[in-house]
Protein backbone atom coordinates (compact mmCIF):
# COMPACT_ATOMS: atom_id res chain seq x y z
CA MET A 1 19.52 -14.67 -13.43
CA GLU A 2 17.09 -15.92 -15.88
CA ASP A 3 14.25 -15.33 -13.71
CA LEU A 4 15.04 -11.41 -13.83
CA GLY A 5 12.24 -9.72 -15.81
CA ARG A 6 10.32 -13.12 -16.24
CA ILE A 7 6.55 -12.56 -15.71
CA HIS A 8 3.86 -15.21 -15.90
CA GLN A 9 1.00 -13.61 -17.58
CA ILE A 10 -2.55 -14.44 -18.89
CA ILE A 11 -3.77 -12.60 -21.89
CA VAL A 12 -7.64 -12.28 -22.03
CA THR A 13 -9.16 -10.88 -25.41
CA LEU A 14 -12.39 -9.01 -24.84
CA GLY A 15 -14.02 -6.86 -27.39
CA GLY A 16 -11.10 -7.04 -29.79
CA ARG A 17 -8.71 -5.60 -27.06
CA GLU A 18 -6.22 -7.66 -25.22
CA PHE A 19 -5.94 -7.47 -21.33
CA VAL A 20 -2.80 -8.65 -19.71
CA PHE A 21 -2.90 -10.05 -16.13
CA ASN A 22 0.18 -10.75 -14.12
CA LEU A 23 -0.67 -14.10 -12.51
CA GLU A 24 1.92 -13.92 -9.70
CA ALA A 25 0.82 -10.51 -8.61
CA ILE A 26 -2.96 -11.72 -8.52
CA LEU A 27 -1.80 -14.85 -6.56
CA MET A 28 0.25 -12.97 -4.07
CA THR A 29 -2.45 -10.55 -3.63
CA TRP A 30 -4.99 -13.24 -2.66
CA ILE A 31 -2.49 -14.98 -0.58
CA ALA A 32 -2.06 -11.70 1.55
CA ILE A 33 -5.81 -11.28 1.64
CA THR A 34 -6.45 -14.87 2.89
CA PHE A 35 -3.89 -14.57 5.54
CA LEU A 36 -5.40 -11.25 6.83
CA LEU A 37 -8.94 -12.86 6.55
CA VAL A 38 -7.72 -15.87 8.69
CA PHE A 39 -5.86 -13.48 11.18
CA GLY A 40 -8.85 -11.40 11.68
CA PHE A 41 -10.93 -14.42 12.31
CA PHE A 42 -8.87 -15.79 14.99
CA ALA A 43 -8.37 -12.19 16.49
CA VAL A 44 -12.19 -11.89 17.10
CA ARG A 45 -13.10 -15.46 17.55
CA ARG A 46 -12.74 -15.64 21.47
CA ARG A 47 -12.29 -11.98 22.46
CA GLY A 48 -11.94 -11.45 26.22
CA LEU A 49 -10.60 -9.16 29.01
CA VAL A 50 -7.50 -11.64 28.99
CA PRO A 51 -6.58 -11.47 25.21
CA ASN A 52 -5.19 -14.33 23.32
CA PRO A 53 -1.77 -13.42 21.43
CA VAL A 54 -3.75 -12.77 18.03
CA GLN A 55 -6.07 -10.59 19.67
CA VAL A 56 -3.21 -8.65 21.18
CA VAL A 57 -1.60 -8.22 17.93
CA GLY A 58 -4.99 -7.10 16.19
CA GLU A 59 -5.62 -4.45 18.80
CA LEU A 60 -2.22 -3.30 18.63
CA PHE A 61 -2.59 -2.65 14.92
CA VAL A 62 -6.07 -1.07 15.42
CA ALA A 63 -5.09 1.07 18.31
CA GLN A 64 -1.94 2.62 16.75
CA PHE A 65 -3.50 3.35 13.32
CA PHE A 66 -6.72 4.78 14.83
CA GLY A 67 -4.64 7.07 16.99
CA LEU A 68 -2.51 8.21 13.96
CA THR A 69 -5.77 8.76 12.00
CA GLU A 70 -7.22 10.91 14.89
CA ASP A 71 -4.03 13.05 15.06
CA ALA A 72 -4.02 13.70 11.27
CA LEU A 73 -7.83 14.25 11.18
CA ASP A 74 -9.92 14.08 14.19
CA LYS A 75 -11.75 11.79 16.38
CA GLU A 76 -14.99 11.73 14.28
CA LYS A 77 -13.43 11.28 10.94
CA ALA A 78 -11.10 8.79 12.23
CA LYS A 79 -14.24 6.45 12.53
CA THR A 80 -14.65 6.85 8.96
CA PHE A 81 -11.02 6.52 7.63
CA GLY A 82 -9.56 4.44 10.55
CA PRO A 83 -10.58 1.03 9.19
CA LEU A 84 -9.21 1.80 5.72
CA ILE A 85 -5.89 3.05 6.82
CA CYS A 86 -5.37 -0.03 9.26
CA ALA A 87 -6.46 -2.38 6.64
CA LEU A 88 -3.99 -0.60 4.07
CA PHE A 89 -1.12 -0.84 6.33
CA MET A 90 -1.67 -4.54 7.19
CA PHE A 91 -2.25 -5.53 3.47
CA LEU A 92 1.03 -3.71 2.50
CA LEU A 93 2.94 -5.10 5.38
CA VAL A 94 1.95 -8.65 4.75
CA GLY A 95 2.36 -8.33 0.94
CA ASN A 96 5.91 -6.80 1.41
CA TRP A 97 6.91 -9.51 3.94
CA LEU A 98 5.79 -12.47 1.42
CA GLY A 99 9.15 -11.89 -0.29
CA ALA A 100 10.91 -13.15 2.77
CA LEU A 101 9.23 -16.63 2.25
CA PRO A 102 10.51 -19.30 -0.19
CA HIS A 103 8.93 -19.40 -3.54
CA LEU A 104 6.55 -16.35 -2.72
CA GLU A 105 7.00 -12.68 -3.96
CA GLU A 106 5.79 -9.30 -2.95
CA PRO A 107 2.46 -8.20 -4.91
CA THR A 108 3.87 -4.70 -4.54
CA LYS A 109 6.75 -5.50 -6.99
CA ASP A 110 4.01 -5.19 -9.77
CA LEU A 111 3.61 -1.53 -10.23
CA ASN A 112 -0.12 -2.11 -10.93
CA THR A 113 -0.44 -2.96 -7.05
CA PRO A 114 0.85 0.27 -5.73
CA LEU A 115 -0.51 2.35 -8.50
CA SER A 116 -3.95 0.98 -7.93
CA LEU A 117 -3.77 1.69 -4.25
CA GLY A 118 -2.46 5.21 -4.87
CA VAL A 119 -5.41 5.88 -7.30
CA MET A 120 -7.78 4.41 -4.71
CA GLY A 121 -6.18 6.81 -1.86
CA PHE A 122 -6.52 9.75 -4.55
CA VAL A 123 -9.98 9.18 -5.24
CA ILE A 124 -11.03 8.71 -1.63
CA ALA A 125 -9.29 11.78 -0.74
CA HIS A 126 -10.97 14.06 -3.32
CA VAL A 127 -14.44 12.63 -2.73
CA ALA A 128 -14.04 13.26 0.91
CA GLY A 129 -12.88 16.81 0.14
CA ILE A 130 -15.85 17.44 -1.92
CA ARG A 131 -18.11 16.19 0.76
CA ALA A 132 -16.33 18.33 3.50
CA LYS A 133 -16.09 21.61 1.40
CA GLY A 134 -18.76 21.31 -1.09
CA LEU A 135 -18.05 21.24 -4.69
CA LYS A 136 -17.48 25.02 -5.08
CA GLY A 137 -15.28 25.34 -2.32
CA TYR A 138 -13.21 22.22 -3.40
CA LEU A 139 -12.65 23.58 -6.94
CA SER A 140 -11.95 27.08 -5.75
CA GLU A 141 -8.72 25.72 -4.03
CA TYR A 142 -7.14 24.94 -7.37
CA PHE A 143 -7.23 28.61 -8.21
CA GLN A 144 -5.46 29.47 -4.98
CA PRO A 145 -3.27 31.94 -4.50
CA PHE A 146 -3.89 33.05 -8.11
CA ALA A 147 -6.10 31.83 -10.98
CA PHE A 148 -3.24 31.23 -13.30
CA MET A 149 -1.88 28.60 -10.87
CA MET A 150 -4.79 26.19 -11.54
CA PRO A 151 -2.73 24.07 -14.05
CA LEU A 152 0.23 23.61 -11.56
CA ASN A 153 -2.14 23.00 -8.69
CA LEU A 154 -3.88 20.15 -10.76
CA ILE A 155 -0.37 18.71 -11.82
CA GLY A 156 0.58 18.71 -8.29
CA GLU A 157 -2.40 16.58 -7.12
CA LEU A 158 -1.91 14.30 -10.01
CA ALA A 159 1.88 13.93 -9.10
CA LYS A 160 0.97 12.65 -5.64
CA VAL A 161 -0.30 9.35 -7.25
CA VAL A 162 2.91 8.96 -9.22
CA SER A 163 5.01 9.79 -6.27
CA ILE A 164 3.31 7.51 -3.75
CA SER A 165 3.10 4.55 -6.06
CA PHE A 166 6.44 4.68 -7.71
CA ARG A 167 8.13 5.13 -4.31
CA LEU A 168 6.71 1.89 -3.07
CA PHE A 169 7.33 -0.03 -6.43
CA GLY A 170 10.75 1.28 -6.74
CA ASN A 171 11.95 0.29 -3.34
CA ILE A 172 10.31 -3.45 -3.56
CA MET A 173 11.41 -3.95 -6.94
CA GLY A 174 15.01 -2.54 -6.43
CA GLY A 175 15.48 -4.80 -3.29
CA SER A 176 14.21 -7.85 -5.10
CA ILE A 177 16.76 -7.04 -8.07
CA ILE A 178 19.55 -6.74 -5.58
CA ILE A 179 18.82 -10.01 -3.77
CA LEU A 180 18.61 -11.69 -7.16
CA VAL A 181 21.88 -10.37 -8.51
CA VAL A 182 23.96 -10.99 -5.21
CA SER A 183 22.37 -14.60 -5.06
CA TYR A 184 23.62 -15.17 -8.45
CA LEU A 185 27.22 -13.74 -7.70
CA THR A 186 27.56 -15.59 -4.45
CA TYR A 187 25.61 -18.66 -5.33
CA SER A 188 23.04 -17.89 -2.63
CA ILE A 189 25.44 -18.69 0.21
CA ILE A 190 26.72 -15.53 1.97
CA LEU A 191 24.76 -12.47 1.78
CA PRO A 192 21.27 -13.34 0.49
CA PRO A 193 19.57 -14.40 3.70
CA PHE A 194 20.68 -11.10 5.38
CA LEU A 195 19.50 -9.06 2.32
CA ILE A 196 16.26 -10.88 2.31
CA VAL A 197 15.45 -9.85 6.02
CA PHE A 198 16.61 -6.25 5.32
CA PHE A 199 14.52 -5.82 2.27
CA SER A 200 11.58 -7.84 2.95
CA LEU A 201 11.08 -7.13 6.70
CA PHE A 202 12.81 -3.87 7.51
CA VAL A 203 12.51 -2.05 4.29
CA GLY A 204 8.99 -3.72 3.64
CA THR A 205 7.64 -2.40 6.87
CA ILE A 206 9.09 1.07 6.68
CA GLN A 207 7.69 1.60 2.93
CA ALA A 208 4.25 0.18 4.10
CA PHE A 209 4.12 2.71 6.97
CA VAL A 210 5.17 5.58 4.53
CA PHE A 211 2.55 4.85 1.85
CA THR A 212 -0.09 4.46 4.47
CA MET A 213 0.82 7.70 6.26
CA LEU A 214 1.05 9.81 3.04
CA THR A 215 -2.56 8.27 2.24
CA VAL A 216 -3.75 9.74 5.60
CA VAL A 217 -1.87 13.07 4.78
CA TYR A 218 -3.54 13.39 1.56
CA ILE A 219 -7.06 12.78 2.90
CA ALA A 220 -6.31 15.31 5.73
CA VAL A 221 -5.22 17.86 3.43
CA GLN A 222 -8.43 17.65 1.32
CA VAL A 223 -11.00 17.66 4.38
CA LYS A 224 -9.36 20.34 6.26
């Protein structure tokens, strides 16, 4: 239980201000990225009509998420946003699954990770909306259906970032706390292995999919 709330940090002073970095989140993020780079390398290394197992998995991810992106947007826009959506899901999936491995943790357990991904999706969606509708058409939607609704519409857009980020963070952090508490109470004998499989694999997969699909929906709302 003494590990609950413990965070390994590095504090960097720059320009008279202190910047705090979560070393575990940074390390886990790079582990997930490294795994995906290695996976991508072997998936495309020897492509052929008779695919190897790694190529099959890679093509499955790409085909499924390009298809979902086409359904939400269209075939042309899927070429632009499909790679982003596929990469986002795979990163979240691997990141959430890291918690099932000994001595590893989910980078999404740190709020900064889902929040930064939420802000990224928010910026991409609104930049795409401006490009699709023009600045005037984009701004005019904030005054619909009445001009006095603009503050509420603006708050609603900002709330999307909070909602999508805290949903992922809350589920992953909540699962980690439950596993830690139950492990302490049962001396890591009875329930923890099943809880790790449930939260890291099952819940982690669902939350990665939900976060990715909400990002697609936010982009679709802005460009249509």
